[in-house]
């Protein structure tokens, strides 16, 4: 019977009290907002401080065809 009491005690301790969790979040809501704002501002400043770098590359090559086409070979580029 001692094992049954320990199991019941363990199950009761394993529960999450959502009201207590919400109260804790509300208690520290100002700190949460301040932290989020600081991280957002730092990320914004970092994103604006790095130099812009753009890179693009394209390869246009017609496909090999065994018979001549009416478009002069340009139809293969439309694929």
PDB file of N, CA and C in Angstrom:
ATOM      1  N   UNK A   1       0.828  -1.181   0.000  1.00  0.00           N
ATOM      2  CA  UNK A   1       0.000   0.000   0.000  1.00  0.00           C
ATOM      3  C   UNK A   1       0.875   1.248   0.000  1.00  0.00           C
ATOM      4  N   UNK A   2       2.068   1.148   0.500  1.00  0.00           N
ATOM      5  CA  UNK A   2       2.989   2.265   0.513  1.00  0.00           C
ATOM      6  C   UNK A   2       3.353   2.680  -0.917  1.00  0.00           C
ATOM      7  N   UNK A   3       3.466   1.715  -1.825  1.00  0.00           N
ATOM      8  CA  UNK A   3       3.786   2.005  -3.217  1.00  0.00           C
ATOM      9  C   UNK A   3       2.655   2.782  -3.880  1.00  0.00           C
ATOM     10  N   UNK A   4       1.434   2.471  -3.563  1.00  0.00           N
ATOM     11  CA  UNK A   4       0.274   3.167  -4.117  1.00  0.00           C
ATOM     12  C   UNK A   4       0.254   4.615  -3.676  1.00  0.00           C
ATOM     13  N   UNK A   5       0.586   4.883  -2.443  1.00  0.00           N
ATOM     14  CA  UNK A   5       0.615   6.261  -1.949  1.00  0.00           C
ATOM     15  C   UNK A   5       1.721   7.064  -2.646  1.00  0.00           C
ATOM     16  N   UNK A   6       2.886   6.457  -2.856  1.00  0.00           N
ATOM     17  CA  UNK A   6       3.979   7.140  -3.547  1.00  0.00           C
ATOM     18  C   UNK A   6       3.615   7.451  -4.995  1.00  0.00           C
ATOM     19  N   UNK A   7       2.915   6.529  -5.638  1.00  0.00           N
ATOM     20  CA  UNK A   7       2.498   6.744  -7.028  1.00  0.00           C
ATOM     21  C   UNK A   7       1.497   7.882  -7.116  1.00  0.00           C
ATOM     22  N   UNK A   8       0.536   7.918  -6.201  1.00  0.00           N
ATOM     23  CA  UNK A   8      -0.459   8.983  -6.183  1.00  0.00           C
ATOM     24  C   UNK A   8       0.208  10.321  -5.903  1.00  0.00           C
ATOM     25  N   UNK A   9       1.145  10.348  -5.002  1.00  0.00           N
ATOM     26  CA  UNK A   9       1.868  11.568  -4.672  1.00  0.00           C
ATOM     27  C   UNK A   9       2.661  12.057  -5.883  1.00  0.00           C
ATOM     28  N   UNK A  10       3.292  11.142  -6.603  1.00  0.00           N
ATOM     29  CA  UNK A  10       4.074  11.490  -7.780  1.00  0.00           C
ATOM     30  C   UNK A  10       3.176  12.067  -8.869  1.00  0.00           C
ATOM     31  N   UNK A  11       2.020  11.486  -9.102  1.00  0.00           N
ATOM     32  CA  UNK A  11       1.112  11.973 -10.134  1.00  0.00           C
ATOM     33  C   UNK A  11       0.596  13.368  -9.813  1.00  0.00           C
ATOM     34  N   UNK A  12       0.354  13.662  -8.552  1.00  0.00           N
ATOM     35  CA  UNK A  12      -0.119  14.981  -8.177  1.00  0.00           C
ATOM     36  C   UNK A  12       0.980  16.029  -8.344  1.00  0.00           C
ATOM     37  N   UNK A  13       2.221  15.674  -8.130  1.00  0.00           N
ATOM     38  CA  UNK A  13       3.328  16.602  -8.288  1.00  0.00           C
ATOM     39  C   UNK A  13       3.663  16.824  -9.753  1.00  0.00           C
ATOM     40  N   UNK A  14       3.265  15.938 -10.635  1.00  0.00           N
ATOM     41  CA  UNK A  14       3.601  16.000 -12.046  1.00  0.00           C
ATOM     42  C   UNK A  14       2.649  16.911 -12.832  1.00  0.00           C
ATOM     43  N   UNK A  15       1.621  17.412 -12.215  1.00  0.00           N
ATOM     44  CA  UNK A  15       0.648  18.253 -12.900  1.00  0.00           C
ATOM     45  C   UNK A  15       1.180  19.664 -13.092  1.00  0.00           C
ATOM     46  N   UNK A  16       0.704  20.322 -14.125  1.00  0.00           N
ATOM     47  CA  UNK A  16       1.062  21.713 -14.394  1.00  0.00           C
ATOM     48  C   UNK A  16      -0.140  22.581 -14.063  1.00  0.00           C
ATOM     49  N   UNK A  17       0.085  23.551 -13.221  1.00  0.00           N
ATOM     50  CA  UNK A  17      -0.981  24.467 -12.846  1.00  0.00           C
ATOM     51  C   UNK A  17      -0.919  25.668 -13.789  1.00  0.00           C
ATOM     52  N   UNK A  18      -1.868  25.751 -14.718  1.00  0.00           N
ATOM     53  CA  UNK A  18      -1.852  26.812 -15.715  1.00  0.00           C
ATOM     54  C   UNK A  18      -2.117  28.185 -15.099  1.00  0.00           C
ATOM     55  N   UNK A  19      -2.911  28.222 -14.053  1.00  0.00           N
ATOM     56  CA  UNK A  19      -3.167  29.511 -13.395  1.00  0.00           C
ATOM     57  C   UNK A  19      -1.887  30.063 -12.759  1.00  0.00           C
ATOM     58  N   UNK A  20      -1.132  29.187 -12.135  1.00  0.00           N
ATOM     59  CA  UNK A  20       0.131  29.608 -11.529  1.00  0.00           C
ATOM     60  C   UNK A  20       1.132  30.035 -12.613  1.00  0.00           C
ATOM     61  N   UNK A  21       1.171  29.295 -13.709  1.00  0.00           N
ATOM     62  CA  UNK A  21       2.049  29.646 -14.809  1.00  0.00           C
ATOM     63  C   UNK A  21       1.663  30.996 -15.413  1.00  0.00           C
ATOM     64  N   UNK A  22       0.374  31.234 -15.618  1.00  0.00           N
ATOM     65  CA  UNK A  22      -0.103  32.510 -16.150  1.00  0.00           C
ATOM     66  C   UNK A  22       0.201  33.652 -15.184  1.00  0.00           C
ATOM     67  N   UNK A  23       0.050  33.408 -13.891  1.00  0.00           N
ATOM     68  CA  UNK A  23       0.358  34.430 -12.895  1.00  0.00           C
ATOM     69  C   UNK A  23       1.839  34.791 -12.928  1.00  0.00           C
ATOM     70  N   UNK A  24       2.697  33.809 -13.124  1.00  0.00           N
ATOM     71  CA  UNK A  24       4.131  34.070 -13.216  1.00  0.00           C
ATOM     72  C   UNK A  24       4.460  34.879 -14.462  1.00  0.00           C
ATOM     73  N   UNK A  25       3.844  34.537 -15.582  1.00  0.00           N
ATOM     74  CA  UNK A  25       4.067  35.291 -16.819  1.00  0.00           C
ATOM     75  C   UNK A  25       3.593  36.724 -16.654  1.00  0.00           C
ATOM     76  N   UNK A  26       2.445  36.927 -16.039  1.00  0.00           N
ATOM     77  CA  UNK A  26       1.922  38.276 -15.827  1.00  0.00           C
ATOM     78  C   UNK A  26       2.787  39.064 -14.842  1.00  0.00           C
ATOM     79  N   UNK A  27       3.382  38.366 -13.899  1.00  0.00           N
ATOM     80  CA  UNK A  27       4.233  39.020 -12.916  1.00  0.00           C
ATOM     81  C   UNK A  27       5.480  39.603 -13.582  1.00  0.00           C
ATOM     82  N   UNK A  28       6.014  38.889 -14.575  1.00  0.00           N
ATOM     83  CA  UNK A  28       7.241  39.304 -15.240  1.00  0.00           C
ATOM     84  C   UNK A  28       6.988  39.828 -16.655  1.00  0.00           C
ATOM     85  N   UNK A  29       5.787  40.284 -16.943  1.00  0.00           N
ATOM     86  CA  UNK A  29       5.459  40.699 -18.309  1.00  0.00           C
ATOM     87  C   UNK A  29       6.288  41.895 -18.762  1.00  0.00           C
ATOM     88  N   UNK A  30       6.595  42.813 -17.872  1.00  0.00           N
ATOM     89  CA  UNK A  30       7.395  43.976 -18.253  1.00  0.00           C
ATOM     90  C   UNK A  30       8.822  43.558 -18.619  1.00  0.00           C
ATOM     91  N   UNK A  31       9.373  42.632 -17.870  1.00  0.00           N
ATOM     92  CA  UNK A  31      10.718  42.158 -18.175  1.00  0.00           C
ATOM     93  C   UNK A  31      10.743  41.383 -19.490  1.00  0.00           C
ATOM     94  N   UNK A  32       9.695  40.623 -19.755  1.00  0.00           N
ATOM     95  CA  UNK A  32       9.599  39.867 -21.002  1.00  0.00           C
ATOM     96  C   UNK A  32       9.523  40.818 -22.188  1.00  0.00           C
ATOM     97  N   UNK A  33       8.708  41.864 -22.072  1.00  0.00           N
ATOM     98  CA  UNK A  33       8.575  42.841 -23.154  1.00  0.00           C
ATOM     99  C   UNK A  33       9.891  43.593 -23.354  1.00  0.00           C
ATOM    100  N   UNK A  34      10.555  43.980 -22.266  1.00  0.00           N
ATOM    101  CA  UNK A  34      11.831  44.693 -22.377  1.00  0.00           C
ATOM    102  C   UNK A  34      12.876  43.817 -23.059  1.00  0.00           C
ATOM    103  N   UNK A  35      12.983  42.575 -22.663  1.00  0.00           N
ATOM    104  CA  UNK A  35      13.948  41.655 -23.252  1.00  0.00           C
ATOM    105  C   UNK A  35      13.665  41.460 -24.740  1.00  0.00           C
ATOM    106  N   UNK A  36      12.409  41.258 -25.090  1.00  0.00           N
ATOM    107  CA  UNK A  36      12.043  41.071 -26.495  1.00  0.00           C
ATOM    108  C   UNK A  36      12.367  42.314 -27.309  1.00  0.00           C
ATOM    109  N   UNK A  37      12.106  43.488 -26.761  1.00  0.00           N
ATOM    110  CA  UNK A  37      12.393  44.734 -27.469  1.00  0.00           C
ATOM    111  C   UNK A  37      13.893  44.917 -27.672  1.00  0.00           C
ATOM    112  N   UNK A  38      14.688  44.626 -26.660  1.00  0.00           N
ATOM    113  CA  UNK A  38      16.143  44.772 -26.776  1.00  0.00           C
ATOM    114  C   UNK A  38      16.691  43.818 -27.834  1.00  0.00           C
ATOM    115  N   UNK A  39      16.257  42.590 -27.829  1.00  0.00           N
ATOM    116  CA  UNK A  39      16.736  41.616 -28.811  1.00  0.00           C
ATOM    117  C   UNK A  39      16.312  42.035 -30.224  1.00  0.00           C
ATOM    118  N   UNK A  40      15.096  42.520 -30.376  1.00  0.00           N
ATOM    119  CA  UNK A  40      14.614  42.968 -31.679  1.00  0.00           C
ATOM    120  C   UNK A  40      15.414  44.161 -32.177  1.00  0.00           C
ATOM    121  N   UNK A  41      15.676  45.126 -31.314  1.00  0.00           N
ATOM    122  CA  UNK A  41      16.441  46.313 -31.698  1.00  0.00           C
ATOM    123  C   UNK A  41      17.873  45.932 -32.076  1.00  0.00           C
ATOM    124  N   UNK A  42      18.497  45.054 -31.289  1.00  0.00           N
ATOM    125  CA  UNK A  42      19.853  44.618 -31.613  1.00  0.00           C
ATOM    126  C   UNK A  42      19.910  43.881 -32.949  1.00  0.00           C
ATOM    127  N   UNK A  43      18.933  43.050 -33.220  1.00  0.00           N
ATOM    128  CA  UNK A  43      18.893  42.327 -34.492  1.00  0.00           C
ATOM    129  C   UNK A  43      18.678  43.300 -35.646  1.00  0.00           C
ATOM    130  N   UNK A  44      17.854  44.309 -35.451  1.00  0.00           N
ATOM    131  CA  UNK A  44      17.597  45.316 -36.481  1.00  0.00           C
ATOM    132  C   UNK A  44      18.864  46.127 -36.760  1.00  0.00           C
ATOM    133  N   UNK A  45      19.547  46.526 -35.713  1.00  0.00           N
ATOM    134  CA  UNK A  45      20.793  47.287 -35.884  1.00  0.00           C
ATOM    135  C   UNK A  45      21.842  46.440 -36.600  1.00  0.00           C
ATOM    136  N   UNK A  46      21.958  45.168 -36.226  1.00  0.00           N
ATOM    137  CA  UNK A  46      22.919  44.288 -36.882  1.00  0.00           C
ATOM    138  C   UNK A  46      22.568  44.114 -38.361  1.00  0.00           C
ATOM    139  N   UNK A  47      21.287  43.929 -38.664  1.00  0.00           N
ATOM    140  CA  UNK A  47      20.870  43.732 -40.051  1.00  0.00           C
ATOM    141  C   UNK A  47      21.156  44.968 -40.897  1.00  0.00           C
ATOM    142  N   UNK A  48      21.033  46.150 -40.319  1.00  0.00           N
ATOM    143  CA  UNK A  48      21.309  47.372 -41.063  1.00  0.00           C
ATOM    144  C   UNK A  48      22.806  47.667 -41.165  1.00  0.00           C
ATOM    145  N   UNK A  49      23.602  47.127 -40.261  1.00  0.00           N
ATOM    146  CA  UNK A  49      25.027  47.448 -40.249  1.00  0.00           C
ATOM    147  C   UNK A  49      25.856  46.604 -41.216  1.00  0.00           C
ATOM    148  N   UNK A  50      25.390  45.419 -41.571  1.00  0.00           N
ATOM    149  CA  UNK A  50      26.169  44.587 -42.484  1.00  0.00           C
ATOM    150  C   UNK A  50      25.984  45.101 -43.911  1.00  0.00           C
ATOM    151  N   UNK A  51      27.026  45.013 -44.736  1.00  0.00           N
ATOM    152  CA  UNK A  51      26.904  45.522 -46.108  1.00  0.00           C
ATOM    153  C   UNK A  51      25.990  44.626 -46.942  1.00  0.00           C
ATOM    154  N   UNK A  52      25.306  45.262 -47.862  1.00  0.00           N
ATOM    155  CA  UNK A  52      24.432  44.508 -48.762  1.00  0.00           C
ATOM    156  C   UNK A  52      25.290  43.727 -49.746  1.00  0.00           C
ATOM    157  N   UNK A  53      24.950  42.491 -49.952  1.00  0.00           N
ATOM    158  CA  UNK A  53      25.664  41.687 -50.938  1.00  0.00           C
ATOM    159  C   UNK A  53      24.634  40.932 -51.766  1.00  0.00           C
ATOM    160  N   UNK A  54      24.736  41.133 -53.064  1.00  0.00           N
ATOM    161  CA  UNK A  54      23.812  40.490 -53.981  1.00  0.00           C
ATOM    162  C   UNK A  54      24.618  39.657 -54.960  1.00  0.00           C
ATOM    163  N   UNK A  55      24.137  38.473 -55.253  1.00  0.00           N
ATOM    164  CA  UNK A  55      24.830  37.610 -56.197  1.00  0.00           C
ATOM    165  C   UNK A  55      23.780  36.859 -56.997  1.00  0.00           C
ATOM    166  N   UNK A  56      23.986  36.847 -58.276  1.00  0.00           N
ATOM    167  CA  UNK A  56      23.074  36.131 -59.145  1.00  0.00           C
ATOM    168  C   UNK A  56      23.874  35.517 -60.284  1.00  0.00           C
ATOM    169  N   UNK A  57      23.513  34.338 -60.673  1.00  0.00           N
ATOM    170  CA  UNK A  57      24.177  33.708 -61.812  1.00  0.00           C
ATOM    171  C   UNK A  57      23.147  32.919 -62.598  1.00  0.00           C
ATOM    172  N   UNK A  58      23.322  32.956 -63.912  1.00  0.00           N
ATOM    173  CA  UNK A  58      22.392  32.273 -64.800  1.00  0.00           C
ATOM    174  C   UNK A  58      23.175  31.622 -65.927  1.00  0.00           C
ATOM    175  N   UNK A  59      22.756  30.473 -66.320  1.00  0.00           N
ATOM    176  CA  UNK A  59      23.363  29.780 -67.447  1.00  0.00           C
ATOM    177  C   UNK A  59      22.264  29.495 -68.456  1.00  0.00           C
ATOM    178  N   UNK A  60      22.371  30.108 -69.628  1.00  0.00           N
ATOM    179  CA  UNK A  60      21.419  29.861 -70.705  1.00  0.00           C
ATOM    180  C   UNK A  60      22.120  29.066 -71.781  1.00  0.00           C
ATOM    181  N   UNK A  61      21.678  27.874 -71.994  1.00  0.00           N
ATOM    182  CA  UNK A  61      22.274  27.022 -73.017  1.00  0.00           C
ATOM    183  C   UNK A  61      21.159  26.266 -73.723  1.00  0.00           C
ATOM    184  N   UNK A  62      21.125  26.317 -75.031  1.00  0.00           N
ATOM    185  CA  UNK A  62      20.067  25.577 -75.743  1.00  0.00           C
ATOM    186  C   UNK A  62      20.294  24.077 -75.642  1.00  0.00           C
ATOM    187  N   UNK A  63      19.211  23.360 -75.626  1.00  0.00           N
ATOM    188  CA  UNK A  63      19.308  21.912 -75.589  1.00  0.00           C
ATOM    189  C   UNK A  63      19.655  21.405 -76.980  1.00  0.00           C
ATOM    190  N   UNK A  64      20.390  20.338 -77.024  1.00  0.00           N
ATOM    191  CA  UNK A  64      20.761  19.765 -78.320  1.00  0.00           C
ATOM    192  C   UNK A  64      19.554  19.080 -78.925  1.00  0.00           C
ATOM    193  N   UNK A  65      19.312  19.387 -80.204  1.00  0.00           N
ATOM    194  CA  UNK A  65      18.192  18.776 -80.908  1.00  0.00           C
ATOM    195  C   UNK A  65      18.716  18.058 -82.142  1.00  0.00           C
ATOM    196  N   UNK A  66      18.073  16.988 -82.499  1.00  0.00           N
ATOM    197  CA  UNK A  66      18.526  16.225 -83.657  1.00  0.00           C
ATOM    198  C   UNK A  66      17.970  16.785 -84.963  1.00  0.00           C
ATOM    199  N   UNK A  67      16.804  17.447 -84.937  1.00  0.00           N
ATOM    200  CA  UNK A  67      16.236  17.992 -86.167  1.00  0.00           C
ATOM    201  C   UNK A  67      16.157  19.515 -86.054  1.00  0.00           C
ATOM    202  N   UNK A  68      16.277  20.233 -87.113  1.00  0.00           N
ATOM    203  CA  UNK A  68      16.177  21.681 -87.080  1.00  0.00           C
ATOM    204  C   UNK A  68      14.754  22.125 -86.780  1.00  0.00           C
ATOM    205  N   UNK A  69      14.628  23.232 -86.090  1.00  0.00           N
ATOM    206  CA  UNK A  69      13.304  23.730 -85.749  1.00  0.00           C
ATOM    207  C   UNK A  69      13.053  25.055 -86.459  1.00  0.00           C
ATOM    208  N   UNK A  70      11.815  25.506 -86.435  1.00  0.00           N
ATOM    209  CA  UNK A  70      11.443  26.739 -87.110  1.00  0.00           C
ATOM    210  C   UNK A  70      11.956  27.966 -86.391  1.00  0.00           C
ATOM    211  N   UNK A  71      12.188  27.890 -85.098  1.00  0.00           N
ATOM    212  CA  UNK A  71      12.623  29.052 -84.325  1.00  0.00           C
ATOM    213  C   UNK A  71      14.103  29.285 -84.391  1.00  0.00           C
ATOM    214  N   UNK A  72      14.814  28.555 -85.171  1.00  0.00           N
ATOM    215  CA  UNK A  72      16.247  28.756 -85.279  1.00  0.00           C
ATOM    216  C   UNK A  72      17.007  28.288 -84.047  1.00  0.00           C
ATOM    217  N   UNK A  73      16.448  27.388 -83.266  1.00  0.00           N
ATOM    218  CA  UNK A  73      17.143  26.873 -82.103  1.00  0.00           C
ATOM    219  C   UNK A  73      16.819  27.624 -80.818  1.00  0.00           C
ATOM    220  N   UNK A  74      16.052  28.694 -80.913  1.00  0.00           N
ATOM    221  CA  UNK A  74      15.723  29.472 -79.729  1.00  0.00           C
ATOM    222  C   UNK A  74      14.567  28.866 -78.931  1.00  0.00           C
ATOM    223  N   UNK A  75      13.834  27.966 -79.520  1.00  0.00           N
ATOM    224  CA  UNK A  75      12.717  27.336 -78.829  1.00  0.00           C
ATOM    225  C   UNK A  75      13.197  26.504 -77.642  1.00  0.00           C
ATOM    226  N   UNK A  76      14.413  26.024 -77.690  1.00  0.00           N
ATOM    227  CA  UNK A  76      14.937  25.206 -76.609  1.00  0.00           C
ATOM    228  C   UNK A  76      15.155  26.049 -75.341  1.00  0.00           C
ATOM    229  N   UNK A  77      15.321  27.343 -75.508  1.00  0.00           N
ATOM    230  CA  UNK A  77      15.507  28.197 -74.332  1.00  0.00           C
ATOM    231  C   UNK A  77      14.203  28.408 -73.571  1.00  0.00           C
ATOM    232  N   UNK A  78      13.073  28.202 -74.199  1.00  0.00           N
ATOM    233  CA  UNK A  78      11.767  28.418 -73.570  1.00  0.00           C
ATOM    234  C   UNK A  78      11.396  27.304 -72.622  1.00  0.00           C
ATOM    235  N   UNK A  79      12.119  26.231 -72.606  1.00  0.00           N
ATOM    236  CA  UNK A  79      11.787  25.081 -71.757  1.00  0.00           C
ATOM    237  C   UNK A  79      12.094  25.335 -70.333  1.00  0.00           C
TER     238      UNK A  79
END
